[in-house]
Amino acid sequence: MNKNNPANQLIKEIASISKDAQKSLALRNSLEEKLKKLQKLGVVYGSLYKREEKYVYLLHRSKVGEKRRREYLGVDEKVIAHYEACIERSKEYDDVQKSLNLLDSRLQSALHYLKLARFTA
């Protein structure tokens, strides 16, 4: 049996691709779980604004055609800390979502090329 035989090399590469696909699946599941966890904890898109160095407002992201919504939070430190954490989680949520989108894109490309190779062989 010749190790340089293209068929043998193909079989080895397919086994390697299968292992990589299993790792990608595990990573994808992990990223989805992380997104669910962050959502459950609370994700808020916006920023905090202090008025008179005392009164805190949450400024929500603006939507097309609408004014930016402002929500009064008051002076309670626990409430303010909760919203600060929610805003930080939104940044982490976006980063995890970008990673998931990139992984999906790479997997879709790999699948596309595998299908092309299969039908041209």
Foldseek 3Di string as FASTA:
>chain_A
DDCPPVVNVVVVVVVVVVVVVVVLVVLLVVLVVLLVVLVVLAAAAFDWDDDPNAWIWTFGDDDPPDDTDIGTDGRDPVSVVSVVVNHVSNVVSVVSVVVSVVSVVVVVVVVVVVVVVVVVD
